[in-house]
Amino acid sequence: MAMSASRLGDTFSALSDPTRRAILASLATGEKTVLELCRPFSVSQPAVSRHLRVLEESGLITRRIDGTKRPCRLAPNAMKDVEQWLDMFRRALEANYERLDALLAENSSNPTPPENEKK
């Protein structure tokens, strides 16, 4: 599983900001223009544009040109690196739990007598 540490870092950096996460959540419902994305926020259009630039540079969104508008949408496979990274930890945790389950099962089938009963 090859993932770029830099790309993953850029993604997490972009996701660290609550406004950018809110923008992504808004784009999850479909493509929107910059002005449509500005409406729910109490920040200026240039500030939202800067957030969009970070999201675009991190590969989370794409923009297209439609006349004077630049509609934004979620990028295909935008979360692929994050999903792969999380899956690596999910598999490691599952393996740990399986080992713990096996150990607990082994201990419950071979209980050791308490200290005062060993004699």
PDB file of N, CA and C in Angstrom:
ATOM      1  N   MET A   1       0.848  -1.155   0.000  1.00  0.00           N
ATOM      2  CA  MET A   1       0.000   0.000   0.000  1.00  0.00           C
ATOM      3  C   MET A   1       0.901   1.227   0.000  1.00  0.00           C
ATOM      4  N   ALA A   2       0.987   1.903  -1.109  1.00  0.00           N
ATOM      5  CA  ALA A   2       1.857   3.055  -1.218  1.00  0.00           C
ATOM      6  C   ALA A   2       1.044   4.325  -1.048  1.00  0.00           C
ATOM      7  N   MET A   3       1.381   5.067  -0.021  1.00  0.00           N
ATOM      8  CA  MET A   3       0.734   6.357   0.162  1.00  0.00           C
ATOM      9  C   MET A   3       1.818   7.368   0.490  1.00  0.00           C
ATOM     10  N   SER A   4       1.638   8.534  -0.009  1.00  0.00           N
ATOM     11  CA  SER A   4       2.611   9.588   0.211  1.00  0.00           C
ATOM     12  C   SER A   4       2.401  10.195   1.594  1.00  0.00           C
ATOM     13  N   ALA A   5       3.451  10.179   2.407  1.00  0.00           N
ATOM     14  CA  ALA A   5       3.363  10.772   3.735  1.00  0.00           C
ATOM     15  C   ALA A   5       3.085  12.265   3.629  1.00  0.00           C
ATOM     16  N   SER A   6       3.674  12.905   2.628  1.00  0.00           N
ATOM     17  CA  SER A   6       3.452  14.331   2.420  1.00  0.00           C
ATOM     18  C   SER A   6       1.997  14.603   2.054  1.00  0.00           C
ATOM     19  N   ARG A   7       1.461  13.792   1.157  1.00  0.00           N
ATOM     20  CA  ARG A   7       0.068  13.952   0.720  1.00  0.00           C
ATOM     21  C   ARG A   7      -0.879  13.720   1.897  1.00  0.00           C
ATOM     22  N   LEU A   8      -0.598  12.700   2.694  1.00  0.00           N
ATOM     23  CA  LEU A   8      -1.416  12.412   3.863  1.00  0.00           C
ATOM     24  C   LEU A   8      -1.332  13.567   4.870  1.00  0.00           C
ATOM     25  N   GLY A   9      -0.143  14.109   5.059  1.00  0.00           N
ATOM     26  CA  GLY A   9       0.029  15.254   5.943  1.00  0.00           C
ATOM     27  C   GLY A   9      -0.734  16.470   5.447  1.00  0.00           C
ATOM     28  N   ASP A  10      -0.698  16.700   4.129  1.00  0.00           N
ATOM     29  CA  ASP A  10      -1.456  17.817   3.548  1.00  0.00           C
ATOM     30  C   ASP A  10      -2.954  17.624   3.780  1.00  0.00           C
ATOM     31  N   THR A  11      -3.418  16.388   3.649  1.00  0.00           N
ATOM     32  CA  THR A  11      -4.837  16.101   3.851  1.00  0.00           C
ATOM     33  C   THR A  11      -5.238  16.362   5.291  1.00  0.00           C
ATOM     34  N   PHE A  12      -4.461  15.835   6.251  1.00  0.00           N
ATOM     35  CA  PHE A  12      -4.790  16.058   7.656  1.00  0.00           C
ATOM     36  C   PHE A  12      -4.684  17.536   8.024  1.00  0.00           C
ATOM     37  N   SER A  13      -3.720  18.225   7.455  1.00  0.00           N
ATOM     38  CA  SER A  13      -3.588  19.662   7.703  1.00  0.00           C
ATOM     39  C   SER A  13      -4.828  20.396   7.204  1.00  0.00           C
ATOM     40  N   ALA A  14      -5.286  20.046   6.015  1.00  0.00           N
ATOM     41  CA  ALA A  14      -6.494  20.678   5.464  1.00  0.00           C
ATOM     42  C   ALA A  14      -7.716  20.356   6.322  1.00  0.00           C
ATOM     43  N   LEU A  15      -7.784  19.124   6.814  1.00  0.00           N
ATOM     44  CA  LEU A  15      -8.932  18.704   7.618  1.00  0.00           C
ATOM     45  C   LEU A  15      -8.894  19.262   9.040  1.00  0.00           C
ATOM     46  N   SER A  16      -7.774  19.822   9.446  1.00  0.00           N
ATOM     47  CA  SER A  16      -7.644  20.318  10.829  1.00  0.00           C
ATOM     48  C   SER A  16      -8.472  21.567  11.091  1.00  0.00           C
ATOM     49  N   ASP A  17      -8.878  22.248  10.046  1.00  0.00           N
ATOM     50  CA  ASP A  17      -9.630  23.483  10.218  1.00  0.00           C
ATOM     51  C   ASP A  17     -11.138  23.223  10.165  1.00  0.00           C
ATOM     52  N   PRO A  18     -11.890  23.681  11.165  1.00  0.00           N
ATOM     53  CA  PRO A  18     -13.332  23.405  11.184  1.00  0.00           C
ATOM     54  C   PRO A  18     -14.096  24.029  10.014  1.00  0.00           C
ATOM     55  N   THR A  19     -13.648  25.183   9.526  1.00  0.00           N
ATOM     56  CA  THR A  19     -14.319  25.790   8.370  1.00  0.00           C
ATOM     57  C   THR A  19     -14.134  24.923   7.142  1.00  0.00           C
ATOM     58  N   ARG A  20     -12.938  24.393   6.947  1.00  0.00           N
ATOM     59  CA  ARG A  20     -12.697  23.527   5.784  1.00  0.00           C
ATOM     60  C   ARG A  20     -13.497  22.230   5.894  1.00  0.00           C
ATOM     61  N   ARG A  21     -13.599  21.687   7.121  1.00  0.00           N
ATOM     62  CA  ARG A  21     -14.421  20.485   7.287  1.00  0.00           C
ATOM     63  C   ARG A  21     -15.882  20.783   6.968  1.00  0.00           C
ATOM     64  N   ALA A  22     -16.356  21.963   7.367  1.00  0.00           N
ATOM     65  CA  ALA A  22     -17.736  22.353   7.075  1.00  0.00           C
ATOM     66  C   ALA A  22     -17.940  22.538   5.566  1.00  0.00           C
ATOM     67  N   ILE A  23     -16.948  23.090   4.898  1.00  0.00           N
ATOM     68  CA  ILE A  23     -17.026  23.248   3.438  1.00  0.00           C
ATOM     69  C   ILE A  23     -17.119  21.874   2.783  1.00  0.00           C
ATOM     70  N   LEU A  24     -16.288  20.940   3.234  1.00  0.00           N
ATOM     71  CA  LEU A  24     -16.346  19.577   2.675  1.00  0.00           C
ATOM     72  C   LEU A  24     -17.707  18.940   2.924  1.00  0.00           C
ATOM     73  N   ALA A  25     -18.259  19.148   4.112  1.00  0.00           N
ATOM     74  CA  ALA A  25     -19.578  18.591   4.418  1.00  0.00           C
ATOM     75  C   ALA A  25     -20.631  19.190   3.489  1.00  0.00           C
ATOM     76  N   SER A  26     -20.513  20.469   3.217  1.00  0.00           N
ATOM     77  CA  SER A  26     -21.443  21.119   2.296  1.00  0.00           C
ATOM     78  C   SER A  26     -21.299  20.556   0.884  1.00  0.00           C
ATOM     79  N   LEU A  27     -20.064  20.322   0.470  1.00  0.00           N
ATOM     80  CA  LEU A  27     -19.825  19.774  -0.874  1.00  0.00           C
ATOM     81  C   LEU A  27     -20.254  18.310  -0.982  1.00  0.00           C
ATOM     82  N   ALA A  28     -20.417  17.652   0.141  1.00  0.00           N
ATOM     83  CA  ALA A  28     -20.876  16.259   0.107  1.00  0.00           C
ATOM     84  C   ALA A  28     -22.289  16.166  -0.449  1.00  0.00           C
ATOM     85  N   THR A  29     -23.037  17.270  -0.402  1.00  0.00           N
ATOM     86  CA  THR A  29     -24.395  17.272  -0.950  1.00  0.00           C
ATOM     87  C   THR A  29     -24.411  17.644  -2.425  1.00  0.00           C
ATOM     88  N   GLY A  30     -23.257  18.030  -2.972  1.00  0.00           N
ATOM     89  CA  GLY A  30     -23.184  18.351  -4.393  1.00  0.00           C
ATOM     90  C   GLY A  30     -22.311  19.560  -4.664  1.00  0.00           C
ATOM     91  N   GLU A  31     -22.089  19.788  -5.924  1.00  0.00           N
ATOM     92  CA  GLU A  31     -21.246  20.880  -6.392  1.00  0.00           C
ATOM     93  C   GLU A  31     -21.837  22.230  -5.978  1.00  0.00           C
ATOM     94  N   LYS A  32     -20.947  23.163  -5.612  1.00  0.00           N
ATOM     95  CA  LYS A  32     -21.381  24.505  -5.209  1.00  0.00           C
ATOM     96  C   LYS A  32     -20.370  25.536  -5.691  1.00  0.00           C
ATOM     97  N   THR A  33     -20.873  26.747  -5.913  1.00  0.00           N
ATOM     98  CA  THR A  33     -19.990  27.859  -6.267  1.00  0.00           C
ATOM     99  C   THR A  33     -19.392  28.440  -4.991  1.00  0.00           C
ATOM    100  N   VAL A  34     -18.399  29.294  -5.161  1.00  0.00           N
ATOM    101  CA  VAL A  34     -17.764  29.936  -4.018  1.00  0.00           C
ATOM    102  C   VAL A  34     -18.792  30.760  -3.238  1.00  0.00           C
ATOM    103  N   LEU A  35     -19.640  31.495  -3.944  1.00  0.00           N
ATOM    104  CA  LEU A  35     -20.651  32.309  -3.260  1.00  0.00           C
ATOM    105  C   LEU A  35     -21.634  31.441  -2.474  1.00  0.00           C
ATOM    106  N   GLU A  36     -22.012  30.298  -3.024  1.00  0.00           N
ATOM    107  CA  GLU A  36     -22.903  29.388  -2.295  1.00  0.00           C
ATOM    108  C   GLU A  36     -22.214  28.846  -1.047  1.00  0.00           C
ATOM    109  N   LEU A  37     -20.920  28.616  -1.137  1.00  0.00           N
ATOM    110  CA  LEU A  37     -20.176  28.110   0.020  1.00  0.00           C
ATOM    111  C   LEU A  37     -19.972  29.189   1.081  1.00  0.00           C
ATOM    112  N   CYS A  38     -19.975  30.454   0.680  1.00  0.00           N
ATOM    113  CA  CYS A  38     -19.779  31.565   1.618  1.00  0.00           C
ATOM    114  C   CYS A  38     -20.993  31.785   2.514  1.00  0.00           C
ATOM    115  N   ARG A  39     -22.179  31.495   2.028  1.00  0.00           N
ATOM    116  CA  ARG A  39     -23.414  31.861   2.730  1.00  0.00           C
ATOM    117  C   ARG A  39     -23.464  31.445   4.197  1.00  0.00           C
ATOM    118  N   PRO A  40     -23.160  30.200   4.538  1.00  0.00           N
ATOM    119  CA  PRO A  40     -23.339  29.815   5.943  1.00  0.00           C
ATOM    120  C   PRO A  40     -22.229  30.303   6.889  1.00  0.00           C
ATOM    121  N   PHE A  41     -21.214  30.942   6.353  1.00  0.00           N
ATOM    122  CA  PHE A  41     -20.071  31.337   7.186  1.00  0.00           C
ATOM    123  C   PHE A  41     -20.039  32.838   7.407  1.00  0.00           C
ATOM    124  N   SER A  42     -19.499  33.231   8.545  1.00  0.00           N
ATOM    125  CA  SER A  42     -19.361  34.653   8.845  1.00  0.00           C
ATOM    126  C   SER A  42     -17.940  35.120   8.496  1.00  0.00           C
ATOM    127  N   VAL A  43     -17.469  34.653   7.352  1.00  0.00           N
ATOM    128  CA  VAL A  43     -16.148  35.069   6.865  1.00  0.00           C
ATOM    129  C   VAL A  43     -16.308  35.606   5.452  1.00  0.00           C
ATOM    130  N   SER A  44     -15.323  36.342   5.013  1.00  0.00           N
ATOM    131  CA  SER A  44     -15.389  36.976   3.694  1.00  0.00           C
ATOM    132  C   SER A  44     -15.199  35.960   2.573  1.00  0.00           C
ATOM    133  N   GLN A  45     -15.580  36.377   1.388  1.00  0.00           N
ATOM    134  CA  GLN A  45     -15.392  35.531   0.206  1.00  0.00           C
ATOM    135  C   GLN A  45     -13.915  35.247  -0.029  1.00  0.00           C
ATOM    136  N   PRO A  46     -13.008  36.218   0.133  1.00  0.00           N
ATOM    137  CA  PRO A  46     -11.587  35.892  -0.026  1.00  0.00           C
ATOM    138  C   PRO A  46     -11.098  34.858   0.994  1.00  0.00           C
ATOM    139  N   ALA A  47     -11.636  34.905   2.216  1.00  0.00           N
ATOM    140  CA  ALA A  47     -11.240  33.908   3.230  1.00  0.00           C
ATOM    141  C   ALA A  47     -11.708  32.518   2.811  1.00  0.00           C
ATOM    142  N   VAL A  48     -12.943  32.414   2.317  1.00  0.00           N
ATOM    143  CA  VAL A  48     -13.439  31.118   1.845  1.00  0.00           C
ATOM    144  C   VAL A  48     -12.608  30.661   0.650  1.00  0.00           C
ATOM    145  N   SER A  49     -12.246  31.576  -0.224  1.00  0.00           N
ATOM    146  CA  SER A  49     -11.407  31.214  -1.376  1.00  0.00           C
ATOM    147  C   SER A  49     -10.054  30.664  -0.932  1.00  0.00           C
ATOM    148  N   ARG A  50      -9.493  31.243   0.135  1.00  0.00           N
ATOM    149  CA  ARG A  50      -8.216  30.715   0.649  1.00  0.00           C
ATOM    150  C   ARG A  50      -8.408  29.296   1.195  1.00  0.00           C
ATOM    151  N   HIS A  51      -9.520  29.060   1.900  1.00  0.00           N
ATOM    152  CA  HIS A  51      -9.809  27.703   2.388  1.00  0.00           C
ATOM    153  C   HIS A  51      -9.954  26.742   1.206  1.00  0.00           C
ATOM    154  N   LEU A  52     -10.624  27.198   0.155  1.00  0.00           N
ATOM    155  CA  LEU A  52     -10.808  26.345  -1.021  1.00  0.00           C
ATOM    156  C   LEU A  52      -9.475  26.024  -1.684  1.00  0.00           C
ATOM    157  N   ARG A  53      -8.572  26.987  -1.699  1.00  0.00           N
ATOM    158  CA  ARG A  53      -7.254  26.744  -2.286  1.00  0.00           C
ATOM    159  C   ARG A  53      -6.513  25.649  -1.508  1.00  0.00           C
ATOM    160  N   VAL A  54      -6.594  25.705  -0.171  1.00  0.00           N
ATOM    161  CA  VAL A  54      -5.954  24.674   0.661  1.00  0.00           C
ATOM    162  C   VAL A  54      -6.587  23.302   0.368  1.00  0.00           C
ATOM    163  N   LEU A  55      -7.906  23.270   0.295  1.00  0.00           N
ATOM    164  CA  LEU A  55      -8.595  21.999   0.013  1.00  0.00           C
ATOM    165  C   LEU A  55      -8.232  21.463  -1.370  1.00  0.00           C
ATOM    166  N   GLU A  56      -8.113  22.359  -2.326  1.00  0.00           N
ATOM    167  CA  GLU A  56      -7.754  21.939  -3.684  1.00  0.00           C
ATOM    168  C   GLU A  56      -6.307  21.442  -3.739  1.00  0.00           C
ATOM    169  N   GLU A  57      -5.394  22.156  -3.090  1.00  0.00           N
ATOM    170  CA  GLU A  57      -3.990  21.753  -3.095  1.00  0.00           C
ATOM    171  C   GLU A  57      -3.767  20.430  -2.374  1.00  0.00           C
ATOM    172  N   SER A  58      -4.620  20.136  -1.418  1.00  0.00           N
ATOM    173  CA  SER A  58      -4.496  18.862  -0.697  1.00  0.00           C
ATOM    174  C   SER A  58      -5.189  17.717  -1.440  1.00  0.00           C
ATOM    175  N   GLY A  59      -5.855  18.031  -2.533  1.00  0.00           N
ATOM    176  CA  GLY A  59      -6.501  17.001  -3.339  1.00  0.00           C
ATOM    177  C   GLY A  59      -7.886  16.609  -2.860  1.00  0.00           C
ATOM    178  N   LEU A  60      -8.463  17.388  -1.946  1.00  0.00           N
ATOM    179  CA  LEU A  60      -9.781  17.044  -1.414  1.00  0.00           C
ATOM    180  C   LEU A  60     -10.930  17.550  -2.276  1.00  0.00           C
ATOM    181  N   ILE A  61     -10.693  18.631  -3.019  1.00  0.00           N
ATOM    182  CA  ILE A  61     -11.737  19.148  -3.908  1.00  0.00           C
ATOM    183  C   ILE A  61     -11.141  19.413  -5.282  1.00  0.00           C
ATOM    184  N   THR A  62     -12.023  19.553  -6.245  1.00  0.00           N
ATOM    185  CA  THR A  62     -11.629  19.993  -7.581  1.00  0.00           C
ATOM    186  C   THR A  62     -12.526  21.166  -7.953  1.00  0.00           C
ATOM    187  N   ARG A  63     -12.037  21.970  -8.877  1.00  0.00           N
ATOM    188  CA  ARG A  63     -12.826  23.090  -9.390  1.00  0.00           C
ATOM    189  C   ARG A  63     -12.812  23.027 -10.900  1.00  0.00           C
ATOM    190  N   ARG A  64     -13.897  23.506 -11.469  1.00  0.00           N
ATOM    191  CA  ARG A  64     -13.955  23.609 -12.927  1.00  0.00           C
ATOM    192  C   ARG A  64     -14.368  25.023 -13.284  1.00  0.00           C
ATOM    193  N   ILE A  65     -14.119  25.405 -14.513  1.00  0.00           N
ATOM    194  CA  ILE A  65     -14.480  26.747 -14.957  1.00  0.00           C
ATOM    195  C   ILE A  65     -15.788  26.656 -15.721  1.00  0.00           C
ATOM    196  N   ASP A  66     -16.748  27.474 -15.301  1.00  0.00           N
ATOM    197  CA  ASP A  66     -18.057  27.541 -15.954  1.00  0.00           C
ATOM    198  C   ASP A  66     -18.374  29.019 -16.163  1.00  0.00           C
ATOM    199  N   GLY A  67     -17.864  29.572 -17.248  1.00  0.00           N
ATOM    200  CA  GLY A  67     -18.012  31.011 -17.486  1.00  0.00           C
ATOM    201  C   GLY A  67     -17.197  31.769 -16.460  1.00  0.00           C
ATOM    202  N   THR A  68     -17.868  32.609 -15.675  1.00  0.00           N
ATOM    203  CA  THR A  68     -17.175  33.369 -14.640  1.00  0.00           C
ATOM    204  C   THR A  68     -17.190  32.650 -13.297  1.00  0.00           C
ATOM    205  N   LYS A  69     -17.868  31.532 -13.234  1.00  0.00           N
ATOM    206  CA  LYS A  69     -17.964  30.773 -11.987  1.00  0.00           C
ATOM    207  C   LYS A  69     -16.907  29.671 -11.953  1.00  0.00           C
ATOM    208  N   ARG A  70     -16.537  29.271 -10.725  1.00  0.00           N
ATOM    209  CA  ARG A  70     -15.605  28.158 -10.547  1.00  0.00           C
ATOM    210  C   ARG A  70     -16.214  27.187  -9.541  1.00  0.00           C
ATOM    211  N   PRO A  71     -17.211  26.403  -9.980  1.00  0.00           N
ATOM    212  CA  PRO A  71     -17.860  25.477  -9.054  1.00  0.00           C
ATOM    213  C   PRO A  71     -16.870  24.463  -8.476  1.00  0.00           C
ATOM    214  N   CYS A  72     -17.108  24.132  -7.212  1.00  0.00           N
ATOM    215  CA  CYS A  72     -16.255  23.194  -6.491  1.00  0.00           C
ATOM    216  C   CYS A  72     -17.028  21.909  -6.247  1.00  0.00           C
ATOM    217  N   ARG A  73     -16.293  20.824  -6.178  1.00  0.00           N
ATOM    218  CA  ARG A  73     -16.892  19.538  -5.819  1.00  0.00           C
ATOM    219  C   ARG A  73     -15.852  18.694  -5.111  1.00  0.00           C
ATOM    220  N   LEU A  74     -16.319  17.691  -4.399  1.00  0.00           N
ATOM    221  CA  LEU A  74     -15.382  16.755  -3.772  1.00  0.00           C
ATOM    222  C   LEU A  74     -14.599  16.049  -4.857  1.00  0.00           C
ATOM    223  N   ALA A  75     -13.325  15.847  -4.621  1.00  0.00           N
ATOM    224  CA  ALA A  75     -12.475  15.149  -5.588  1.00  0.00           C
ATOM    225  C   ALA A  75     -12.747  13.652  -5.508  1.00  0.00           C
ATOM    226  N   PRO A  76     -12.737  12.989  -6.670  1.00  0.00           N
ATOM    227  CA  PRO A  76     -12.877  11.532  -6.643  1.00  0.00           C
ATOM    228  C   PRO A  76     -11.725  10.948  -5.825  1.00  0.00           C
ATOM    229  N   ASN A  77     -12.006   9.991  -5.006  1.00  0.00           N
ATOM    230  CA  ASN A  77     -10.999   9.334  -4.166  1.00  0.00           C
ATOM    231  C   ASN A  77     -10.278  10.313  -3.246  1.00  0.00           C
ATOM    232  N   ALA A  78     -10.962  11.382  -2.844  1.00  0.00           N
ATOM    233  CA  ALA A  78     -10.337  12.411  -2.019  1.00  0.00           C
ATOM    234  C   ALA A  78      -9.808  11.864  -0.710  1.00  0.00           C
ATOM    235  N   MET A  79     -10.486  10.909  -0.152  1.00  0.00           N
ATOM    236  CA  MET A  79     -10.100  10.391   1.156  1.00  0.00           C
ATOM    237  C   MET A  79      -9.377   9.043   1.062  1.00  0.00           C
ATOM    238  N   LYS A  80      -8.938   8.692  -0.107  1.00  0.00           N
ATOM    239  CA  LYS A  80      -8.306   7.386  -0.310  1.00  0.00           C
ATOM    240  C   LYS A  80      -7.100   7.173   0.608  1.00  0.00           C
ATOM    241  N   ASP A  81      -6.194   8.147   0.670  1.00  0.00           N
ATOM    242  CA  ASP A  81      -5.007   8.006   1.523  1.00  0.00           C
ATOM    243  C   ASP A  81      -5.393   7.888   2.990  1.00  0.00           C
ATOM    244  N   VAL A  82      -6.381   8.695   3.414  1.00  0.00           N
ATOM    245  CA  VAL A  82      -6.827   8.645   4.813  1.00  0.00           C
ATOM    246  C   VAL A  82      -7.458   7.285   5.109  1.00  0.00           C
ATOM    247  N   GLU A  83      -8.287   6.800   4.197  1.00  0.00           N
ATOM    248  CA  GLU A  83      -8.918   5.496   4.384  1.00  0.00           C
ATOM    249  C   GLU A  83      -7.872   4.385   4.484  1.00  0.00           C
ATOM    250  N   GLN A  84      -6.865   4.435   3.631  1.00  0.00           N
ATOM    251  CA  GLN A  84      -5.803   3.425   3.674  1.00  0.00           C
ATOM    252  C   GLN A  84      -5.035   3.503   4.985  1.00  0.00           C
ATOM    253  N   TRP A  85      -4.738   4.718   5.424  1.00  0.00           N
ATOM    254  CA  TRP A  85      -4.001   4.911   6.668  1.00  0.00           C
ATOM    255  C   TRP A  85      -4.807   4.386   7.849  1.00  0.00           C
ATOM    256  N   LEU A  86      -6.089   4.732   7.904  1.00  0.00           N
ATOM    257  CA  LEU A  86      -6.952   4.252   8.984  1.00  0.00           C
ATOM    258  C   LEU A  86      -7.137   2.743   8.920  1.00  0.00           C
ATOM    259  N   ASP A  87      -7.227   2.188   7.713  1.00  0.00           N
ATOM    260  CA  ASP A  87      -7.390   0.745   7.557  1.00  0.00           C
ATOM    261  C   ASP A  87      -6.182  -0.008   8.110  1.00  0.00           C
ATOM    262  N   MET A  88      -4.988   0.561   7.939  1.00  0.00           N
ATOM    263  CA  MET A  88      -3.783  -0.054   8.485  1.00  0.00           C
ATOM    264  C   MET A  88      -3.917  -0.186  10.002  1.00  0.00           C
ATOM    265  N   PHE A  89      -4.390   0.866  10.669  1.00  0.00           N
ATOM    266  CA  PHE A  89      -4.572   0.821  12.118  1.00  0.00           C
ATOM    267  C   PHE A  89      -5.729  -0.091  12.517  1.00  0.00           C
ATOM    268  N   ARG A  90      -6.786  -0.091  11.727  1.00  0.00           N
ATOM    269  CA  ARG A  90      -7.923  -0.962  12.012  1.00  0.00           C
ATOM    270  C   ARG A  90      -7.487  -2.428  11.994  1.00  0.00           C
ATOM    271  N   ARG A  91      -6.697  -2.799  10.988  1.00  0.00           N
ATOM    272  CA  ARG A  91      -6.209  -4.190  10.901  1.00  0.00           C
ATOM    273  C   ARG A  91      -5.289  -4.518  12.075  1.00  0.00           C
ATOM    274  N   ALA A  92      -4.432  -3.583  12.446  1.00  0.00           N
ATOM    275  CA  ALA A  92      -3.532  -3.818  13.582  1.00  0.00           C
ATOM    276  C   ALA A  92      -4.323  -3.985  14.867  1.00  0.00           C
ATOM    277  N   LEU A  93      -5.324  -3.154  15.094  1.00  0.00           N
ATOM    278  CA  LEU A  93      -6.151  -3.280  16.296  1.00  0.00           C
ATOM    279  C   LEU A  93      -6.929  -4.593  16.295  1.00  0.00           C
ATOM    280  N   GLU A  94      -7.468  -4.979  15.156  1.00  0.00           N
ATOM    281  CA  GLU A  94      -8.198  -6.245  15.075  1.00  0.00           C
ATOM    282  C   GLU A  94      -7.280  -7.420  15.400  1.00  0.00           C
ATOM    283  N   ALA A  95      -6.057  -7.380  14.909  1.00  0.00           N
ATOM    284  CA  ALA A  95      -5.093  -8.450  15.212  1.00  0.00           C
ATOM    285  C   ALA A  95      -4.785  -8.476  16.706  1.00  0.00           C
ATOM    286  N   ASN A  96      -4.644  -7.297  17.311  1.00  0.00           N
ATOM    287  CA  ASN A  96      -4.404  -7.237  18.757  1.00  0.00           C
ATOM    288  C   ASN A  96      -5.581  -7.818  19.532  1.00  0.00           C
ATOM    289  N   TYR A  97      -6.796  -7.470  19.135  1.00  0.00           N
ATOM    290  CA  TYR A  97      -7.977  -7.994  19.812  1.00  0.00           C
ATOM    291  C   TYR A  97      -8.099  -9.508  19.637  1.00  0.00           C
ATOM    292  N   GLU A  98      -7.754 -10.001  18.459  1.00  0.00           N
ATOM    293  CA  GLU A  98      -7.797 -11.449  18.229  1.00  0.00           C
ATOM    294  C   GLU A  98      -6.795 -12.170  19.140  1.00  0.00           C
ATOM    295  N   ARG A  99      -5.595 -11.606  19.288  1.00  0.00           N
ATOM    296  CA  ARG A  99      -4.607 -12.206  20.186  1.00  0.00           C
ATOM    297  C   ARG A  99      -5.090 -12.164  21.633  1.00  0.00           C
ATOM    298  N   LEU A 100      -5.696 -11.061  22.036  1.00  0.00           N
ATOM    299  CA  LEU A 100      -6.229 -10.939  23.386  1.00  0.00           C
ATOM    300  C   LEU A 100      -7.364 -11.937  23.610  1.00  0.00           C
ATOM    301  N   ASP A 101      -8.259 -12.069  22.636  1.00  0.00           N
ATOM    302  CA  ASP A 101      -9.350 -13.041  22.749  1.00  0.00           C
ATOM    303  C   ASP A 101      -8.793 -14.461  22.906  1.00  0.00           C
ATOM    304  N   ALA A 102      -7.769 -14.796  22.115  1.00  0.00           N
ATOM    305  CA  ALA A 102      -7.175 -16.125  22.202  1.00  0.00           C
ATOM    306  C   ALA A 102      -6.538 -16.339  23.573  1.00  0.00           C
ATOM    307  N   LEU A 103      -5.850 -15.343  24.082  1.00  0.00           N
ATOM    308  CA  LEU A 103      -5.218 -15.439  25.398  1.00  0.00           C
ATOM    309  C   LEU A 103      -6.267 -15.591  26.495  1.00  0.00           C
ATOM    310  N   LEU A 104      -7.336 -14.814  26.426  1.00  0.00           N
ATOM    311  CA  LEU A 104      -8.397 -14.910  27.419  1.00  0.00           C
ATOM    312  C   LEU A 104      -9.102 -16.265  27.347  1.00  0.00           C
ATOM    313  N   ALA A 105      -9.317 -16.759  26.140  1.00  0.00           N
ATOM    314  CA  ALA A 105      -9.944 -18.071  25.977  1.00  0.00           C
ATOM    315  C   ALA A 105      -9.050 -19.157  26.550  1.00  0.00           C
ATOM    316  N   GLU A 106      -7.753 -19.050  26.315  1.00  0.00           N
ATOM    317  CA  GLU A 106      -6.798 -20.034  26.840  1.00  0.00           C
ATOM    318  C   GLU A 106      -6.780 -19.989  28.369  1.00  0.00           C
ATOM    319  N   ASN A 107      -6.768 -18.794  28.934  1.00  0.00           N
ATOM    320  CA  ASN A 107      -6.751 -18.658  30.390  1.00  0.00           C
ATOM    321  C   ASN A 107      -8.051 -19.129  31.025  1.00  0.00           C
ATOM    322  N   SER A 108      -9.181 -18.945  30.372  1.00  0.00           N
ATOM    323  CA  SER A 108     -10.448 -19.371  30.966  1.00  0.00           C
ATOM    324  C   SER A 108     -10.621 -20.882  30.874  1.00  0.00           C
ATOM    325  N   SER A 109      -9.978 -21.529  29.911  1.00  0.00           N
ATOM    326  CA  SER A 109     -10.083 -22.986  29.809  1.00  0.00           C
ATOM    327  C   SER A 109      -9.057 -23.694  30.700  1.00  0.00           C
ATOM    328  N   ASN A 110      -8.013 -22.999  31.106  1.00  0.00           N
ATOM    329  CA  ASN A 110      -6.985 -23.547  31.999  1.00  0.00           C
ATOM    330  C   ASN A 110      -6.814 -22.629  33.205  1.00  0.00           C
ATOM    331  N   PRO A 111      -7.838 -22.540  34.049  1.00  0.00           N
ATOM    332  CA  PRO A 111      -7.710 -21.618  35.177  1.00  0.00           C
ATOM    333  C   PRO A 111      -6.655 -22.108  36.160  1.00  0.00           C
ATOM    334  N   THR A 112      -5.910 -21.184  36.706  1.00  0.00           N
ATOM    335  CA  THR A 112      -4.926 -21.535  37.728  1.00  0.00           C
ATOM    336  C   THR A 112      -5.601 -21.392  39.077  1.00  0.00           C
ATOM    337  N   PRO A 113      -5.359 -22.333  39.964  1.00  0.00           N
ATOM    338  CA  PRO A 113      -6.001 -22.233  41.283  1.00  0.00           C
ATOM    339  C   PRO A 113      -5.431 -21.064  42.056  1.00  0.00           C
ATOM    340  N   PRO A 114      -6.251 -20.472  42.918  1.00  0.00           N
ATOM    341  CA  PRO A 114      -5.753 -19.371  43.750  1.00  0.00           C
ATOM    342  C   PRO A 114      -4.604 -19.867  44.616  1.00  0.00           C
ATOM    343  N   GLU A 115      -3.766 -18.958  45.100  1.00  0.00           N
ATOM    344  CA  GLU A 115      -2.563 -19.289  45.879  1.00  0.00           C
ATOM    345  C   GLU A 115      -2.858 -20.192  47.053  1.00  0.00           C
ATOM    346  N   ASN A 116      -3.926 -19.937  47.791  1.00  0.00           N
ATOM    347  CA  ASN A 116      -4.199 -20.738  48.994  1.00  0.00           C
ATOM    348  C   ASN A 116      -4.741 -22.129  48.655  1.00  0.00           C
ATOM    349  N   GLU A 117      -5.084 -22.413  47.399  1.00  0.00           N
ATOM    350  CA  GLU A 117      -5.594 -23.720  47.005  1.00  0.00           C
ATOM    351  C   GLU A 117      -4.524 -24.573  46.319  1.00  0.00           C
ATOM    352  N   LYS A 118      -3.334 -24.064  46.103  1.00  0.00           N
ATOM    353  CA  LYS A 118      -2.292 -24.785  45.365  1.00  0.00           C
ATOM    354  C   LYS A 118      -1.729 -25.952  46.177  1.00  0.00           C
ATOM    355  N   LYS A 119      -1.878 -25.974  47.478  1.00  0.00           N
ATOM    356  CA  LYS A 119      -1.259 -26.999  48.313  1.00  0.00           C
ATOM    357  C   LYS A 119      -2.022 -28.277  48.307  1.00  0.00           C
TER     358      LYS A 119
END
